[in-house]
Amino acid sequence: MEGFLKLSTLLIVCMLVSAPMASEAAISCGAVASNLGQCINYLTRGGFVPRGCCSGVQRLHSMARTTRDRQQACRCIQGAARALGSRLNPGRAARLPGACRVRISYPISARTNCNK
């Protein structure tokens, strides 16, 4: 039940963050949240990276083809990270793309400038 509550909170935050930007990109924060939802336990508690998490990371990577898409996904991820607060392990978040065999050209970090 706790995992469902976290995922629900994450989805709501992502939808609120994406509302003003929805016309700018094809990717919504809801899509980001649904693709990364199975990663929450790994990102907050550790352990192994679930197969469903990596499937979501790979799917999200394939969806984010344009610069606008990648910027929007970045903003959504940062909003979700803020919602998780201190429960989020930044090191695990930074290593997640590599753990899922996805190559991206920017770091996963709260300091990443999503406008670049």
Protein backbone atom coordinates (compact mmCIF):
# COMPACT_ATOMS: atom_id res chain seq x y z
CA MET A 1 0.00 0.00 0.00
CA GLU A 2 2.87 2.36 0.80
CA GLY A 3 4.37 1.85 -2.68
CA PHE A 4 1.00 2.62 -4.27
CA LEU A 5 0.73 5.81 -2.21
CA LYS A 6 4.21 6.91 -3.30
CA LEU A 7 3.44 6.17 -6.94
CA SER A 8 0.11 8.02 -6.71
CA THR A 9 1.82 11.03 -5.15
CA LEU A 10 4.50 10.95 -7.83
CA LEU A 11 1.88 10.78 -10.59
CA ILE A 12 -0.06 13.72 -9.15
CA VAL A 13 3.08 15.84 -8.80
CA CYS A 14 4.13 15.00 -12.35
CA MET A 15 0.72 15.91 -13.73
CA LEU A 16 0.77 19.24 -11.89
CA VAL A 17 4.27 20.02 -13.14
CA SER A 18 3.42 19.06 -16.70
CA ALA A 19 0.16 20.98 -17.02
CA PRO A 20 1.71 24.31 -18.03
CA MET A 21 4.21 22.63 -20.36
CA ALA A 22 1.98 20.06 -22.03
CA SER A 23 1.84 21.93 -25.33
CA GLU A 24 5.63 22.14 -25.56
CA ALA A 25 6.46 18.45 -25.79
CA ALA A 26 4.92 15.15 -26.69
CA ILE A 27 6.03 13.49 -23.44
CA SER A 28 3.86 14.11 -20.41
CA CYS A 29 4.93 13.83 -16.79
CA GLY A 30 2.31 11.13 -16.45
CA ALA A 31 4.13 9.10 -19.10
CA VAL A 32 7.44 9.67 -17.34
CA ALA A 33 5.96 8.63 -14.00
CA SER A 34 4.31 5.52 -15.40
CA ASN A 35 7.54 4.45 -17.10
CA LEU A 36 9.68 5.06 -14.02
CA GLY A 37 7.17 3.94 -11.39
CA GLN A 38 8.79 0.54 -10.92
CA CYS A 39 12.11 2.25 -10.16
CA ILE A 40 10.95 4.00 -6.99
CA ASN A 41 11.85 1.23 -4.54
CA TYR A 42 15.32 0.89 -6.06
CA LEU A 43 15.86 4.65 -6.04
CA THR A 44 14.76 5.02 -2.42
CA ARG A 45 15.72 1.72 -0.78
CA GLY A 46 18.36 0.14 -3.01
CA GLY A 47 18.70 -3.51 -3.83
CA PHE A 48 18.51 -4.75 -7.38
CA VAL A 49 17.11 -2.81 -10.34
CA PRO A 50 13.79 -4.45 -11.28
CA ARG A 51 13.38 -5.64 -14.86
CA GLY A 52 10.22 -3.52 -15.16
CA CYS A 53 12.19 -0.46 -14.12
CA CYS A 54 14.72 -0.98 -16.90
CA SER A 55 11.94 -1.63 -19.40
CA GLY A 56 10.45 1.72 -18.42
CA VAL A 57 13.80 3.51 -18.64
CA GLN A 58 14.38 2.06 -22.10
CA ARG A 59 10.85 2.92 -23.24
CA LEU A 60 11.17 6.49 -21.95
CA HIS A 61 14.53 6.84 -23.70
CA SER A 62 13.00 5.75 -27.00
CA MET A 63 10.09 8.18 -26.53
CA ALA A 64 12.38 11.19 -25.92
CA ARG A 65 13.58 11.78 -29.47
CA THR A 66 13.46 15.56 -29.77
CA THR A 67 15.21 18.20 -27.67
CA ARG A 68 11.82 19.36 -26.36
CA ASP A 69 10.93 15.81 -25.37
CA ARG A 70 14.19 15.35 -23.49
CA GLN A 71 13.81 18.73 -21.76
CA GLN A 72 10.28 17.88 -20.71
CA ALA A 73 11.31 14.45 -19.43
CA CYS A 74 14.15 16.11 -17.51
CA ARG A 75 11.74 18.57 -15.87
CA CYS A 76 9.35 15.78 -14.97
CA ILE A 77 12.13 13.70 -13.45
CA GLN A 78 13.37 16.67 -11.43
CA GLY A 79 9.84 17.37 -10.18
CA ALA A 80 9.47 13.75 -9.13
CA ALA A 81 12.87 13.86 -7.43
CA ARG A 82 11.77 16.91 -5.44
CA ALA A 83 8.60 15.08 -4.43
CA LEU A 84 10.64 12.13 -3.14
CA GLY A 85 12.93 14.50 -1.26
CA SER A 86 15.57 13.00 1.00
CA ARG A 87 14.25 9.47 0.36
CA LEU A 88 15.80 9.59 -3.13
CA ASN A 89 19.36 8.32 -3.35
CA PRO A 90 21.10 10.61 -5.89
CA GLY A 91 23.85 8.09 -6.61
CA ARG A 92 21.38 5.36 -7.57
CA ALA A 93 19.46 7.86 -9.72
CA ALA A 94 22.67 8.84 -11.53
CA ARG A 95 23.59 5.18 -12.16
CA LEU A 96 20.12 4.07 -13.29
CA PRO A 97 20.54 4.66 -17.06
CA GLY A 98 23.80 2.70 -17.12
CA ALA A 99 22.34 -0.08 -15.00
CA CYS A 100 19.55 -0.36 -17.57
CA ARG A 101 22.00 -0.22 -20.51
CA VAL A 102 20.76 3.14 -21.74
CA ARG A 103 23.29 5.73 -22.90
CA ILE A 104 22.35 9.36 -22.43
CA SER A 105 24.48 12.44 -22.99
CA TYR A 106 23.68 14.24 -19.75
CA PRO A 107 23.92 13.34 -16.07
CA ILE A 108 20.86 12.40 -14.04
CA SER A 109 21.14 14.92 -11.24
CA ALA A 110 19.13 17.58 -9.45
CA ARG A 111 21.71 20.05 -10.83
CA THR A 112 21.15 19.11 -14.47
CA ASN A 113 20.06 22.15 -16.47
CA CYS A 114 17.00 20.88 -18.34
CA ASN A 115 17.10 23.87 -20.72
CA LYS A 116 20.37 22.75 -22.34
